[in-house]
């Protein structure tokens, strides 16, 4: 029953493997951030993963910034 805790844990997820069917949304979020959009709205029904999507986007973006800064040095 290890999957029960993964699926029904009320805390936001921050690991990419824990986001189910959110690859398109994650790519869209990261693209908008990298383009410098001044305002982003993440909307959806209650408990559908909005916070988890945002957390994963922030972690992905920080990894991207670290890689980019290494290329500039």
PDB file of N, CA and C in Angstrom:
ATOM      1  N   UNK A   1       0.807  -1.194   0.000  1.00  0.00           N
ATOM      2  CA  UNK A   1       0.000   0.000   0.000  1.00  0.00           C
ATOM      3  C   UNK A   1       0.856   1.267   0.000  1.00  0.00           C
ATOM      4  N   UNK A   2       2.088   1.191  -0.484  1.00  0.00           N
ATOM      5  CA  UNK A   2       2.946   2.361  -0.567  1.00  0.00           C
ATOM      6  C   UNK A   2       2.350   3.421  -1.470  1.00  0.00           C
ATOM      7  N   UNK A   3       1.618   3.020  -2.488  1.00  0.00           N
ATOM      8  CA  UNK A   3       1.035   3.956  -3.440  1.00  0.00           C
ATOM      9  C   UNK A   3      -0.083   4.774  -2.821  1.00  0.00           C
ATOM     10  N   UNK A   4      -0.721   4.246  -1.777  1.00  0.00           N
ATOM     11  CA  UNK A   4      -1.817   4.971  -1.124  1.00  0.00           C
ATOM     12  C   UNK A   4      -1.324   6.301  -0.557  1.00  0.00           C
ATOM     13  N   UNK A   5      -0.168   6.265   0.111  1.00  0.00           N
ATOM     14  CA  UNK A   5       0.379   7.490   0.692  1.00  0.00           C
ATOM     15  C   UNK A   5       0.800   8.466  -0.401  1.00  0.00           C
ATOM     16  N   UNK A   6       1.338   7.966  -1.502  1.00  0.00           N
ATOM     17  CA  UNK A   6       1.746   8.823  -2.598  1.00  0.00           C
ATOM     18  C   UNK A   6       0.543   9.509  -3.234  1.00  0.00           C
ATOM     19  N   UNK A   7      -0.508   8.751  -3.492  1.00  0.00           N
ATOM     20  CA  UNK A   7      -1.674   9.305  -4.180  1.00  0.00           C
ATOM     21  C   UNK A   7      -2.557  10.158  -3.283  1.00  0.00           C
ATOM     22  N   UNK A   8      -2.643   9.827  -2.026  1.00  0.00           N
ATOM     23  CA  UNK A   8      -3.587  10.502  -1.152  1.00  0.00           C
ATOM     24  C   UNK A   8      -2.922  11.348  -0.081  1.00  0.00           C
ATOM     25  N   UNK A   9      -1.674  11.680  -0.272  1.00  0.00           N
ATOM     26  CA  UNK A   9      -0.978  12.562   0.648  1.00  0.00           C
ATOM     27  C   UNK A   9      -1.459  13.989   0.381  1.00  0.00           C
ATOM     28  N   UNK A  10      -1.954  14.710   1.384  1.00  0.00           N
ATOM     29  CA  UNK A  10      -2.513  16.041   1.142  1.00  0.00           C
ATOM     30  C   UNK A  10      -1.471  17.130   0.895  1.00  0.00           C
ATOM     31  N   UNK A  11      -0.205  16.847   1.142  1.00  0.00           N
ATOM     32  CA  UNK A  11       0.828  17.861   0.938  1.00  0.00           C
ATOM     33  C   UNK A  11       1.157  18.012  -0.546  1.00  0.00           C
ATOM     34  N   UNK A  12       1.566  19.218  -0.973  1.00  0.00           N
ATOM     35  CA  UNK A  12       1.958  19.422  -2.378  1.00  0.00           C
ATOM     36  C   UNK A  12       3.165  18.565  -2.744  1.00  0.00           C
ATOM     37  N   UNK A  13       3.209  18.129  -3.985  1.00  0.00           N
ATOM     38  CA  UNK A  13       4.317  17.317  -4.490  1.00  0.00           C
ATOM     39  C   UNK A  13       5.339  18.233  -5.155  1.00  0.00           C
ATOM     40  N   UNK A  14       6.614  17.884  -5.050  1.00  0.00           N
ATOM     41  CA  UNK A  14       7.636  18.685  -5.717  1.00  0.00           C
ATOM     42  C   UNK A  14       8.523  17.850  -6.637  1.00  0.00           C
ATOM     43  N   UNK A  15       8.214  16.594  -6.768  1.00  0.00           N
ATOM     44  CA  UNK A  15       8.981  15.706  -7.632  1.00  0.00           C
ATOM     45  C   UNK A  15       8.236  15.520  -8.944  1.00  0.00           C
ATOM     46  N   UNK A  16       8.958  15.549 -10.048  1.00  0.00           N
ATOM     47  CA  UNK A  16       8.323  15.452 -11.358  1.00  0.00           C
ATOM     48  C   UNK A  16       7.570  14.138 -11.541  1.00  0.00           C
ATOM     49  N   UNK A  17       8.062  13.052 -10.970  1.00  0.00           N
ATOM     50  CA  UNK A  17       7.384  11.764 -11.145  1.00  0.00           C
ATOM     51  C   UNK A  17       6.053  11.703 -10.400  1.00  0.00           C
ATOM     52  N   UNK A  18       5.857  12.604  -9.440  1.00  0.00           N
ATOM     53  CA  UNK A  18       4.605  12.632  -8.694  1.00  0.00           C
ATOM     54  C   UNK A  18       3.512  13.430  -9.395  1.00  0.00           C
ATOM     55  N   UNK A  19       3.872  14.184 -10.427  1.00  0.00           N
ATOM     56  CA  UNK A  19       2.878  14.946 -11.174  1.00  0.00           C
ATOM     57  C   UNK A  19       2.334  14.068 -12.300  1.00  0.00           C
ATOM     58  N   UNK A  20       1.072  13.769 -12.245  1.00  0.00           N
ATOM     59  CA  UNK A  20       0.466  12.898 -13.243  1.00  0.00           C
ATOM     60  C   UNK A  20      -0.165  13.729 -14.346  1.00  0.00           C
ATOM     61  N   UNK A  21       0.200  13.468 -15.591  1.00  0.00           N
ATOM     62  CA  UNK A  21      -0.351  14.146 -16.767  1.00  0.00           C
ATOM     63  C   UNK A  21      -0.235  15.662 -16.678  1.00  0.00           C
ATOM     64  N   UNK A  22       0.897  16.154 -16.244  1.00  0.00           N
ATOM     65  CA  UNK A  22       1.073  17.601 -16.134  1.00  0.00           C
ATOM     66  C   UNK A  22       2.271  18.095 -16.932  1.00  0.00           C
ATOM     67  N   UNK A  23       2.770  17.277 -17.850  1.00  0.00           N
ATOM     68  CA  UNK A  23       3.952  17.680 -18.625  1.00  0.00           C
ATOM     69  C   UNK A  23       3.663  18.898 -19.504  1.00  0.00           C
ATOM     70  N   UNK A  24       2.520  18.931 -20.146  1.00  0.00           N
ATOM     71  CA  UNK A  24       2.174  20.051 -21.020  1.00  0.00           C
ATOM     72  C   UNK A  24       2.050  21.334 -20.203  1.00  0.00           C
ATOM     73  N   UNK A  25       1.388  21.251 -19.062  1.00  0.00           N
ATOM     74  CA  UNK A  25       1.227  22.422 -18.205  1.00  0.00           C
ATOM     75  C   UNK A  25       2.565  22.896 -17.667  1.00  0.00           C
ATOM     76  N   UNK A  26       3.429  21.965 -17.308  1.00  0.00           N
ATOM     77  CA  UNK A  26       4.749  22.333 -16.798  1.00  0.00           C
ATOM     78  C   UNK A  26       5.582  23.007 -17.879  1.00  0.00           C
ATOM     79  N   UNK A  27       5.555  22.477 -19.085  1.00  0.00           N
ATOM     80  CA  UNK A  27       6.292  23.100 -20.191  1.00  0.00           C
ATOM     81  C   UNK A  27       5.761  24.496 -20.491  1.00  0.00           C
ATOM     82  N   UNK A  28       4.453  24.660 -20.441  1.00  0.00           N
ATOM     83  CA  UNK A  28       3.840  25.959 -20.683  1.00  0.00           C
ATOM     84  C   UNK A  28       4.231  26.962 -19.604  1.00  0.00           C
ATOM     85  N   UNK A  29       4.233  26.530 -18.360  1.00  0.00           N
ATOM     86  CA  UNK A  29       4.625  27.393 -17.247  1.00  0.00           C
ATOM     87  C   UNK A  29       6.080  27.825 -17.378  1.00  0.00           C
ATOM     88  N   UNK A  30       6.960  26.882 -17.631  1.00  0.00           N
ATOM     89  CA  UNK A  30       8.382  27.207 -17.764  1.00  0.00           C
ATOM     90  C   UNK A  30       8.647  28.112 -18.960  1.00  0.00           C
ATOM     91  N   UNK A  31       7.948  27.877 -20.051  1.00  0.00           N
ATOM     92  CA  UNK A  31       8.104  28.720 -21.240  1.00  0.00           C
ATOM     93  C   UNK A  31       7.696  30.157 -20.948  1.00  0.00           C
ATOM     94  N   UNK A  32       6.580  30.328 -20.257  1.00  0.00           N
ATOM     95  CA  UNK A  32       6.117  31.676 -19.928  1.00  0.00           C
ATOM     96  C   UNK A  32       7.093  32.386 -18.999  1.00  0.00           C
ATOM     97  N   UNK A  33       7.648  31.664 -18.045  1.00  0.00           N
ATOM     98  CA  UNK A  33       8.607  32.271 -17.120  1.00  0.00           C
ATOM     99  C   UNK A  33       9.888  32.657 -17.848  1.00  0.00           C
ATOM    100  N   UNK A  34      10.383  31.786 -18.704  1.00  0.00           N
ATOM    101  CA  UNK A  34      11.625  32.067 -19.433  1.00  0.00           C
ATOM    102  C   UNK A  34      11.454  33.217 -20.420  1.00  0.00           C
ATOM    103  N   UNK A  35      10.244  33.422 -20.924  1.00  0.00           N
ATOM    104  CA  UNK A  35       9.972  34.538 -21.832  1.00  0.00           C
ATOM    105  C   UNK A  35       9.816  35.857 -21.091  1.00  0.00           C
ATOM    106  N   UNK A  36       9.760  35.800 -19.771  1.00  0.00           N
ATOM    107  CA  UNK A  36       9.677  37.017 -18.982  1.00  0.00           C
ATOM    108  C   UNK A  36       8.271  37.559 -18.832  1.00  0.00           C
ATOM    109  N   UNK A  37       7.281  36.707 -18.900  1.00  0.00           N
ATOM    110  CA  UNK A  37       5.904  37.175 -18.709  1.00  0.00           C
ATOM    111  C   UNK A  37       5.766  37.775 -17.308  1.00  0.00           C
ATOM    112  N   UNK A  38       5.194  38.972 -17.190  1.00  0.00           N
ATOM    113  CA  UNK A  38       5.113  39.615 -15.875  1.00  0.00           C
ATOM    114  C   UNK A  38       4.044  39.039 -14.947  1.00  0.00           C
ATOM    115  N   UNK A  39       3.052  38.347 -15.492  1.00  0.00           N
ATOM    116  CA  UNK A  39       1.972  37.824 -14.668  1.00  0.00           C
ATOM    117  C   UNK A  39       1.549  36.460 -15.183  1.00  0.00           C
ATOM    118  N   UNK A  40       1.456  35.515 -14.273  1.00  0.00           N
ATOM    119  CA  UNK A  40       0.999  34.170 -14.611  1.00  0.00           C
ATOM    120  C   UNK A  40      -0.144  33.792 -13.693  1.00  0.00           C
ATOM    121  N   UNK A  41      -1.168  33.187 -14.242  1.00  0.00           N
ATOM    122  CA  UNK A  41      -2.284  32.685 -13.444  1.00  0.00           C
ATOM    123  C   UNK A  41      -2.310  31.171 -13.541  1.00  0.00           C
ATOM    124  N   UNK A  42      -2.356  30.530 -12.411  1.00  0.00           N
ATOM    125  CA  UNK A  42      -2.543  29.080 -12.374  1.00  0.00           C
ATOM    126  C   UNK A  42      -3.902  28.860 -11.735  1.00  0.00           C
ATOM    127  N   UNK A  43      -4.855  28.448 -12.540  1.00  0.00           N
ATOM    128  CA  UNK A  43      -6.218  28.272 -12.051  1.00  0.00           C
ATOM    129  C   UNK A  43      -6.660  26.832 -12.268  1.00  0.00           C
ATOM    130  N   UNK A  44      -7.558  26.395 -11.435  1.00  0.00           N
ATOM    131  CA  UNK A  44      -8.087  25.045 -11.558  1.00  0.00           C
ATOM    132  C   UNK A  44      -8.958  24.716 -10.367  1.00  0.00           C
ATOM    133  N   UNK A  45      -9.591  23.580 -10.454  1.00  0.00           N
ATOM    134  CA  UNK A  45     -10.424  23.133  -9.360  1.00  0.00           C
ATOM    135  C   UNK A  45      -9.590  22.840  -8.130  1.00  0.00           C
ATOM    136  N   UNK A  46     -10.253  22.806  -7.020  1.00  0.00           N
ATOM    137  CA  UNK A  46      -9.608  22.528  -5.749  1.00  0.00           C
ATOM    138  C   UNK A  46      -8.945  21.146  -5.762  1.00  0.00           C
ATOM    139  N   UNK A  47      -7.695  21.088  -5.223  1.00  0.00           N
ATOM    140  CA  UNK A  47      -6.943  19.836  -5.068  1.00  0.00           C
ATOM    141  C   UNK A  47      -6.616  19.151  -6.408  1.00  0.00           C
ATOM    142  N   UNK A  48      -6.314  19.953  -7.430  1.00  0.00           N
ATOM    143  CA  UNK A  48      -5.948  19.371  -8.723  1.00  0.00           C
ATOM    144  C   UNK A  48      -4.461  19.491  -9.025  1.00  0.00           C
ATOM    145  N   UNK A  49      -3.667  20.038  -8.083  1.00  0.00           N
ATOM    146  CA  UNK A  49      -2.218  20.065  -8.268  1.00  0.00           C
ATOM    147  C   UNK A  49      -1.643  21.405  -8.661  1.00  0.00           C
ATOM    148  N   UNK A  50      -2.345  22.493  -8.423  1.00  0.00           N
ATOM    149  CA  UNK A  50      -1.831  23.811  -8.793  1.00  0.00           C
ATOM    150  C   UNK A  50      -0.544  24.146  -8.034  1.00  0.00           C
ATOM    151  N   UNK A  51      -0.536  23.939  -6.737  1.00  0.00           N
ATOM    152  CA  UNK A  51       0.662  24.224  -5.937  1.00  0.00           C
ATOM    153  C   UNK A  51       1.799  23.284  -6.306  1.00  0.00           C
ATOM    154  N   UNK A  52       1.490  22.031  -6.535  1.00  0.00           N
ATOM    155  CA  UNK A  52       2.526  21.066  -6.933  1.00  0.00           C
ATOM    156  C   UNK A  52       3.139  21.458  -8.271  1.00  0.00           C
ATOM    157  N   UNK A  53       2.317  21.909  -9.207  1.00  0.00           N
ATOM    158  CA  UNK A  53       2.815  22.353 -10.507  1.00  0.00           C
ATOM    159  C   UNK A  53       3.740  23.553 -10.337  1.00  0.00           C
ATOM    160  N   UNK A  54       3.341  24.500  -9.511  1.00  0.00           N
ATOM    161  CA  UNK A  54       4.171  25.679  -9.277  1.00  0.00           C
ATOM    162  C   UNK A  54       5.492  25.314  -8.609  1.00  0.00           C
ATOM    163  N   UNK A  55       5.459  24.442  -7.608  1.00  0.00           N
ATOM    164  CA  UNK A  55       6.695  24.015  -6.939  1.00  0.00           C
ATOM    165  C   UNK A  55       7.633  23.316  -7.912  1.00  0.00           C
ATOM    166  N   UNK A  56       7.096  22.416  -8.719  1.00  0.00           N
ATOM    167  CA  UNK A  56       7.937  21.711  -9.694  1.00  0.00           C
ATOM    168  C   UNK A  56       8.502  22.693 -10.713  1.00  0.00           C
ATOM    169  N   UNK A  57       7.724  23.669 -11.103  1.00  0.00           N
ATOM    170  CA  UNK A  57       8.213  24.688 -12.030  1.00  0.00           C
ATOM    171  C   UNK A  57       9.347  25.502 -11.438  1.00  0.00           C
ATOM    172  N   UNK A  58       9.220  25.863 -10.173  1.00  0.00           N
ATOM    173  CA  UNK A  58      10.277  26.626  -9.501  1.00  0.00           C
ATOM    174  C   UNK A  58      11.555  25.801  -9.418  1.00  0.00           C
ATOM    175  N   UNK A  59      11.431  24.534  -9.051  1.00  0.00           N
ATOM    176  CA  UNK A  59      12.620  23.675  -8.973  1.00  0.00           C
ATOM    177  C   UNK A  59      13.256  23.484 -10.348  1.00  0.00           C
ATOM    178  N   UNK A  60      12.438  23.293 -11.367  1.00  0.00           N
ATOM    179  CA  UNK A  60      12.979  23.137 -12.727  1.00  0.00           C
ATOM    180  C   UNK A  60      13.668  24.412 -13.178  1.00  0.00           C
ATOM    181  N   UNK A  61      13.065  25.539 -12.863  1.00  0.00           N
ATOM    182  CA  UNK A  61      13.639  26.817 -13.254  1.00  0.00           C
ATOM    183  C   UNK A  61      14.961  27.070 -12.537  1.00  0.00           C
ATOM    184  N   UNK A  62      15.041  26.719 -11.260  1.00  0.00           N
ATOM    185  CA  UNK A  62      16.300  26.921 -10.534  1.00  0.00           C
ATOM    186  C   UNK A  62      17.396  26.026 -11.114  1.00  0.00           C
ATOM    187  N   UNK A  63      17.057  24.805 -11.520  1.00  0.00           N
ATOM    188  CA  UNK A  63      18.037  23.925 -12.168  1.00  0.00           C
ATOM    189  C   UNK A  63      18.485  24.522 -13.493  1.00  0.00           C
ATOM    190  N   UNK A  64      17.557  25.104 -14.253  1.00  0.00           N
ATOM    191  CA  UNK A  64      17.871  25.728 -15.529  1.00  0.00           C
ATOM    192  C   UNK A  64      18.790  26.931 -15.332  1.00  0.00           C
ATOM    193  N   UNK A  65      18.526  27.734 -14.294  1.00  0.00           N
ATOM    194  CA  UNK A  65      19.351  28.910 -14.029  1.00  0.00           C
ATOM    195  C   UNK A  65      20.771  28.515 -13.630  1.00  0.00           C
ATOM    196  N   UNK A  66      20.909  27.451 -12.864  1.00  0.00           N
ATOM    197  CA  UNK A  66      22.245  26.978 -12.470  1.00  0.00           C
ATOM    198  C   UNK A  66      23.008  26.516 -13.697  1.00  0.00           C
ATOM    199  N   UNK A  67      22.368  25.753 -14.577  1.00  0.00           N
ATOM    200  CA  UNK A  67      23.031  25.281 -15.798  1.00  0.00           C
ATOM    201  C   UNK A  67      23.410  26.466 -16.680  1.00  0.00           C
ATOM    202  N   UNK A  68      22.519  27.445 -16.794  1.00  0.00           N
ATOM    203  CA  UNK A  68      22.782  28.605 -17.636  1.00  0.00           C
ATOM    204  C   UNK A  68      23.942  29.422 -17.094  1.00  0.00           C
ATOM    205  N   UNK A  69      24.001  29.579 -15.772  1.00  0.00           N
ATOM    206  CA  UNK A  69      25.086  30.370 -15.177  1.00  0.00           C
ATOM    207  C   UNK A  69      26.431  29.655 -15.360  1.00  0.00           C
ATOM    208  N   UNK A  70      26.427  28.337 -15.367  1.00  0.00           N
ATOM    209  CA  UNK A  70      27.678  27.605 -15.598  1.00  0.00           C
ATOM    210  C   UNK A  70      28.172  27.814 -17.012  1.00  0.00           C
ATOM    211  N   UNK A  71      27.256  27.953 -17.977  1.00  0.00           N
ATOM    212  CA  UNK A  71      27.655  28.186 -19.358  1.00  0.00           C
ATOM    213  C   UNK A  71      28.226  29.592 -19.550  1.00  0.00           C
ATOM    214  N   UNK A  72      27.760  30.547 -18.768  1.00  0.00           N
ATOM    215  CA  UNK A  72      28.197  31.924 -18.913  1.00  0.00           C
ATOM    216  C   UNK A  72      29.552  32.184 -18.275  1.00  0.00           C
ATOM    217  N   UNK A  73      29.990  31.303 -17.394  1.00  0.00           N
ATOM    218  CA  UNK A  73      31.274  31.525 -16.700  1.00  0.00           C
ATOM    219  C   UNK A  73      32.423  31.107 -17.557  1.00  0.00           C
TER     220      UNK A  73
END
